[in-house]
Every structure is written in structure tokens, then in C-alpha cells.
Amino acid sequence: MSGSANIALTKAMRERLYQRVQAGKGTPPTGADKVEGEWIKPGLVGRVKTLKREDKLRHATLRAIREAEPKNGPE
């Protein structure tokens, strides 16, 4: 899915997110369409509310952000 989402966060939430993003800056993956954007390492999961389920986000709002659960390797 592509597109963008509006983000309505408190000042404290914005500061925590900014610090997390700054700490996780990375390089674009090979073959990325938008290399000029800021890339961060995987580790955050966002919950996004949309108006409709389509290929592009429409009227999307970021509702929550959390740390991704670590992936376990093969056992």
C-alpha cells in the first residue's frame, strides 16, 4: 500500500518519535523507488485508520505507534 497519513500527536509523543527516528536512520534498500526520502531501520509498527481499503491510502490517520516484536529465528 502506498500513500501518506496525517499524524496528530502530542508534543511529548512527537519528541519521542523524533528521537526514535533519529536513532534509527538507515540507508535505502536496493531498488527503492524513493531514495531521496529519509529511511529508518525497521522496528516501528503503526496503526493507520483509512476511509476505504484501496491500493493507495485515502484520508488516512496514524492512530498508534509501537515497537515491533522481535522476530525469532528458526528453532
Protein backbone atom coordinates (compact mmCIF):
# COMPACT_ATOMS: atom_id res chain seq x y z
CA MET A 1 0.00 0.00 0.00
CA SER A 2 1.33 3.45 -0.75
CA GLY A 3 0.38 6.94 0.30
CA SER A 4 0.72 9.01 3.44
CA ALA A 5 -1.12 9.50 6.70
CA ASN A 6 -1.84 12.57 8.79
CA ILE A 7 -0.26 12.39 12.21
CA ALA A 8 -1.88 14.07 15.22
CA LEU A 9 0.43 13.61 18.21
CA THR A 10 1.01 15.49 21.44
CA LYS A 11 4.28 17.42 21.77
CA ALA A 12 5.73 14.72 24.06
CA MET A 13 4.76 11.97 21.60
CA ARG A 14 6.31 13.91 18.70
CA GLU A 15 9.56 14.33 20.65
CA ARG A 16 9.77 10.60 21.46
CA LEU A 17 9.05 9.67 17.85
CA TYR A 18 11.63 12.17 16.57
CA GLN A 19 14.30 10.75 18.91
CA ARG A 20 13.45 7.19 17.80
CA VAL A 21 13.64 8.12 14.12
CA GLN A 22 16.95 9.96 14.55
CA ALA A 23 18.45 6.93 16.31
CA GLY A 24 17.31 4.54 13.60
CA LYS A 25 18.37 6.33 10.42
CA GLY A 26 19.48 3.92 7.73
CA THR A 27 20.13 3.69 4.02
CA PRO A 28 17.52 2.98 1.33
CA PRO A 29 17.11 -0.67 0.36
CA THR A 30 18.45 -1.72 -3.03
CA GLY A 31 15.90 -0.87 -5.73
CA ALA A 32 13.91 1.58 -3.58
CA ASP A 33 11.59 3.87 -5.57
CA LYS A 34 12.15 6.91 -3.36
CA VAL A 35 15.80 7.09 -2.37
CA GLU A 36 15.55 10.82 -1.56
CA GLY A 37 13.30 10.14 1.44
CA GLU A 38 14.55 9.56 4.97
CA TRP A 39 14.86 5.86 5.67
CA ILE A 40 14.80 4.36 9.14
CA LYS A 41 15.62 0.83 10.16
CA PRO A 42 12.63 -1.47 10.69
CA GLY A 43 11.34 -1.59 14.22
CA LEU A 44 8.20 0.53 14.44
CA VAL A 45 4.66 -0.58 13.67
CA GLY A 46 1.93 1.98 13.02
CA ARG A 47 -1.84 1.51 13.23
CA VAL A 48 -3.49 3.55 10.48
CA LYS A 49 -7.20 4.26 10.05
CA THR A 50 -8.33 4.74 6.45
CA LEU A 51 -11.52 5.85 4.75
CA LYS A 52 -11.53 2.97 2.26
CA ARG A 53 -9.45 -0.11 1.62
CA GLU A 54 -7.70 0.67 -1.65
CA ASP A 55 -4.22 0.40 -3.16
CA LYS A 56 -3.48 3.96 -2.05
CA LEU A 57 -4.14 5.41 1.39
CA ARG A 58 -7.09 7.80 1.37
CA HIS A 59 -7.87 10.10 4.26
CA ALA A 60 -5.51 8.10 6.47
CA THR A 61 -4.73 8.96 10.07
CA LEU A 62 -1.95 7.43 12.14
CA ARG A 63 -3.61 6.21 15.33
CA ALA A 64 -0.81 4.47 17.24
CA ILE A 65 2.88 3.59 17.04
CA ARG A 66 4.59 0.75 18.86
CA GLU A 67 7.86 -1.16 18.78
CA ALA A 68 7.78 -4.21 16.51
CA GLU A 69 8.06 -7.54 18.23
CA PRO A 70 11.45 -9.14 17.59
CA LYS A 71 11.39 -11.94 15.04
CA ASN A 72 12.56 -15.29 16.34
CA GLY A 73 14.96 -17.27 14.20
CA PRO A 74 14.42 -20.90 13.21
CA GLU A 75 14.24 -23.24 16.17
